[in-house]
Amino acid sequence: MPDHFCTGALCQLDAVTGVLRWVNCGPPPPTLIRSERVVDGALDSPPQPPIGLVGQLAPAARRSTRRD
């Protein structure tokens, strides 16, 4: 619907190499939990506009962030 949008994180994990790539589509940054503990700041990245924006508000392209 043209008047709706949402925030979220889109992630891709390469299970062979362990490389994680993500796009943060609106704050707050995603949370990484390992061994039942939150890893503070592990997935900090600049927020980008929410998903579903159209026209001049829509981003031309999304930048992904990588963590090895």
N, C-alpha and C. Protein backbone atom coordinates (compact mmCIF):
# COMPACT_ATOMS: atom_id res chain seq x y z
N MET A 1 0.84 -1.17 0.00
CA MET A 1 0.00 0.00 0.00
C MET A 1 0.89 1.23 0.00
N PRO A 2 0.57 2.22 -0.79
CA PRO A 2 1.47 3.37 -0.95
C PRO A 2 1.66 4.22 0.29
N ASP A 3 0.74 4.17 1.25
CA ASP A 3 0.90 5.02 2.43
C ASP A 3 1.40 4.24 3.65
N HIS A 4 2.01 3.09 3.41
CA HIS A 4 2.53 2.27 4.52
C HIS A 4 4.02 1.99 4.32
N PHE A 5 4.72 1.84 5.42
CA PHE A 5 6.12 1.46 5.39
C PHE A 5 6.43 0.71 6.68
N CYS A 6 7.60 0.08 6.74
CA CYS A 6 8.00 -0.61 7.96
C CYS A 6 9.51 -0.50 8.14
N THR A 7 9.94 -0.68 9.37
CA THR A 7 11.36 -0.73 9.67
C THR A 7 11.75 -2.19 9.86
N GLY A 8 13.03 -2.47 9.71
CA GLY A 8 13.49 -3.84 9.91
C GLY A 8 14.93 -3.98 9.46
N ALA A 9 15.44 -5.17 9.63
CA ALA A 9 16.80 -5.48 9.19
C ALA A 9 16.71 -6.65 8.21
N LEU A 10 17.38 -6.52 7.09
CA LEU A 10 17.48 -7.58 6.11
C LEU A 10 18.89 -8.15 6.22
N CYS A 11 19.00 -9.45 6.46
CA CYS A 11 20.31 -10.07 6.73
C CYS A 11 20.55 -11.24 5.81
N GLN A 12 21.83 -11.49 5.54
CA GLN A 12 22.26 -12.67 4.79
C GLN A 12 23.50 -13.22 5.47
N LEU A 13 23.44 -14.49 5.87
CA LEU A 13 24.57 -15.15 6.52
C LEU A 13 25.11 -16.23 5.60
N ASP A 14 26.40 -16.17 5.30
CA ASP A 14 27.07 -17.24 4.55
C ASP A 14 27.53 -18.26 5.58
N ALA A 15 26.86 -19.39 5.65
CA ALA A 15 27.14 -20.40 6.68
C ALA A 15 28.52 -21.03 6.50
N VAL A 16 29.09 -20.98 5.31
CA VAL A 16 30.41 -21.57 5.07
C VAL A 16 31.51 -20.64 5.58
N THR A 17 31.42 -19.35 5.23
CA THR A 17 32.49 -18.41 5.60
C THR A 17 32.20 -17.69 6.92
N GLY A 18 30.95 -17.67 7.35
CA GLY A 18 30.58 -16.96 8.56
C GLY A 18 30.38 -15.47 8.36
N VAL A 19 30.42 -15.01 7.11
CA VAL A 19 30.24 -13.59 6.82
C VAL A 19 28.76 -13.24 6.89
N LEU A 20 28.45 -12.18 7.64
CA LEU A 20 27.09 -11.67 7.78
C LEU A 20 27.02 -10.32 7.10
N ARG A 21 26.01 -10.14 6.25
CA ARG A 21 25.75 -8.85 5.62
C ARG A 21 24.35 -8.44 6.01
N TRP A 22 24.16 -7.15 6.27
CA TRP A 22 22.83 -6.69 6.64
C TRP A 22 22.61 -5.25 6.20
N VAL A 23 21.33 -4.91 6.11
CA VAL A 23 20.88 -3.55 5.84
C VAL A 23 19.94 -3.18 6.97
N ASN A 24 20.23 -2.08 7.64
CA ASN A 24 19.38 -1.60 8.73
C ASN A 24 18.41 -0.57 8.15
N CYS A 25 17.16 -0.98 7.97
CA CYS A 25 16.14 -0.10 7.38
C CYS A 25 15.32 0.57 8.47
N GLY A 26 15.96 1.47 9.18
CA GLY A 26 15.31 2.19 10.27
C GLY A 26 15.86 1.76 11.62
N PRO A 27 15.95 2.70 12.56
CA PRO A 27 16.50 2.39 13.87
C PRO A 27 15.56 1.50 14.66
N PRO A 28 15.98 0.87 15.71
CA PRO A 28 17.34 0.78 16.24
C PRO A 28 18.15 -0.27 15.48
N PRO A 29 19.47 -0.33 15.72
CA PRO A 29 20.28 -1.34 15.05
C PRO A 29 19.89 -2.75 15.49
N PRO A 30 20.13 -3.74 14.63
CA PRO A 30 19.83 -5.13 15.00
C PRO A 30 20.62 -5.56 16.23
N THR A 31 20.13 -6.57 16.92
CA THR A 31 20.80 -7.11 18.11
C THR A 31 21.40 -8.46 17.78
N LEU A 32 22.67 -8.66 18.10
CA LEU A 32 23.34 -9.94 17.93
C LEU A 32 23.42 -10.63 19.28
N ILE A 33 22.93 -11.85 19.32
CA ILE A 33 22.98 -12.65 20.55
C ILE A 33 23.81 -13.89 20.28
N ARG A 34 24.83 -14.10 21.09
CA ARG A 34 25.69 -15.29 20.98
C ARG A 34 25.84 -15.89 22.36
N SER A 35 25.71 -17.21 22.43
CA SER A 35 25.85 -17.93 23.71
C SER A 35 24.96 -17.30 24.78
N GLU A 36 23.74 -16.97 24.41
CA GLU A 36 22.74 -16.41 25.31
C GLU A 36 23.13 -15.04 25.88
N ARG A 37 24.00 -14.32 25.18
CA ARG A 37 24.42 -12.98 25.60
C ARG A 37 24.29 -12.01 24.45
N VAL A 38 23.88 -10.80 24.76
CA VAL A 38 23.82 -9.74 23.76
C VAL A 38 25.24 -9.21 23.54
N VAL A 39 25.66 -9.13 22.29
CA VAL A 39 26.97 -8.58 21.93
C VAL A 39 26.75 -7.11 21.59
N ASP A 40 27.05 -6.24 22.57
CA ASP A 40 26.79 -4.81 22.42
C ASP A 40 27.53 -4.22 21.22
N GLY A 41 26.78 -3.48 20.40
CA GLY A 41 27.37 -2.74 19.29
C GLY A 41 27.84 -3.58 18.12
N ALA A 42 27.65 -4.88 18.14
CA ALA A 42 28.18 -5.75 17.10
C ALA A 42 27.60 -5.46 15.72
N LEU A 43 26.35 -5.04 15.68
CA LEU A 43 25.70 -4.79 14.39
C LEU A 43 25.33 -3.33 14.20
N ASP A 44 26.08 -2.45 14.86
CA ASP A 44 25.85 -1.02 14.66
C ASP A 44 26.15 -0.66 13.21
N SER A 45 25.29 0.11 12.63
CA SER A 45 25.47 0.60 11.27
C SER A 45 24.57 1.81 11.08
N PRO A 46 24.90 2.65 10.11
CA PRO A 46 24.04 3.82 9.90
C PRO A 46 22.65 3.37 9.47
N PRO A 47 21.60 3.90 10.10
CA PRO A 47 20.25 3.52 9.66
C PRO A 47 19.96 4.09 8.28
N GLN A 48 19.12 3.37 7.56
CA GLN A 48 18.68 3.81 6.25
C GLN A 48 17.16 3.97 6.29
N PRO A 49 16.59 4.60 5.28
CA PRO A 49 15.14 4.82 5.31
C PRO A 49 14.36 3.50 5.43
N PRO A 50 13.17 3.56 6.01
CA PRO A 50 12.34 2.37 6.14
C PRO A 50 12.00 1.73 4.79
N ILE A 51 11.56 0.50 4.83
CA ILE A 51 11.15 -0.25 3.65
C ILE A 51 9.76 0.23 3.23
N GLY A 52 9.56 0.42 1.93
CA GLY A 52 8.24 0.76 1.42
C GLY A 52 8.03 2.22 1.09
N LEU A 53 9.03 3.06 1.30
CA LEU A 53 8.88 4.47 0.94
C LEU A 53 8.90 4.60 -0.58
N VAL A 54 8.14 5.54 -1.09
CA VAL A 54 8.07 5.73 -2.55
C VAL A 54 8.43 7.17 -2.89
N GLY A 55 8.65 7.40 -4.16
CA GLY A 55 8.93 8.74 -4.66
C GLY A 55 10.26 9.28 -4.16
N GLN A 56 10.27 10.55 -3.80
CA GLN A 56 11.51 11.21 -3.38
C GLN A 56 12.04 10.70 -2.05
N LEU A 57 11.19 10.07 -1.25
CA LEU A 57 11.63 9.53 0.04
C LEU A 57 12.35 8.20 -0.10
N ALA A 58 12.14 7.51 -1.21
CA ALA A 58 12.74 6.18 -1.40
C ALA A 58 14.24 6.32 -1.70
N PRO A 59 15.06 5.46 -1.09
CA PRO A 59 16.49 5.52 -1.38
C PRO A 59 16.77 4.99 -2.79
N ALA A 60 17.76 5.58 -3.46
CA ALA A 60 18.13 5.11 -4.80
C ALA A 60 18.73 3.72 -4.72
N ALA A 61 19.48 3.46 -3.66
CA ALA A 61 20.11 2.14 -3.45
C ALA A 61 20.31 1.96 -1.95
N ARG A 62 20.44 0.72 -1.54
CA ARG A 62 20.71 0.40 -0.13
C ARG A 62 22.18 0.01 0.00
N ARG A 63 22.78 0.39 1.14
CA ARG A 63 24.16 -0.01 1.44
C ARG A 63 24.12 -1.12 2.48
N SER A 64 24.84 -2.18 2.21
CA SER A 64 24.90 -3.25 3.20
C SER A 64 26.17 -3.08 4.05
N THR A 65 26.11 -3.61 5.25
CA THR A 65 27.25 -3.63 6.16
C THR A 65 27.70 -5.06 6.31
N ARG A 66 28.98 -5.29 6.52
CA ARG A 66 29.52 -6.64 6.57
C ARG A 66 30.26 -6.86 7.88
N ARG A 67 30.12 -8.07 8.41
CA ARG A 67 30.87 -8.47 9.61
C ARG A 67 31.41 -9.87 9.36
N ASP A 68 32.72 -10.03 9.52
CA ASP A 68 33.37 -11.33 9.32
C ASP A 68 33.41 -12.11 10.61
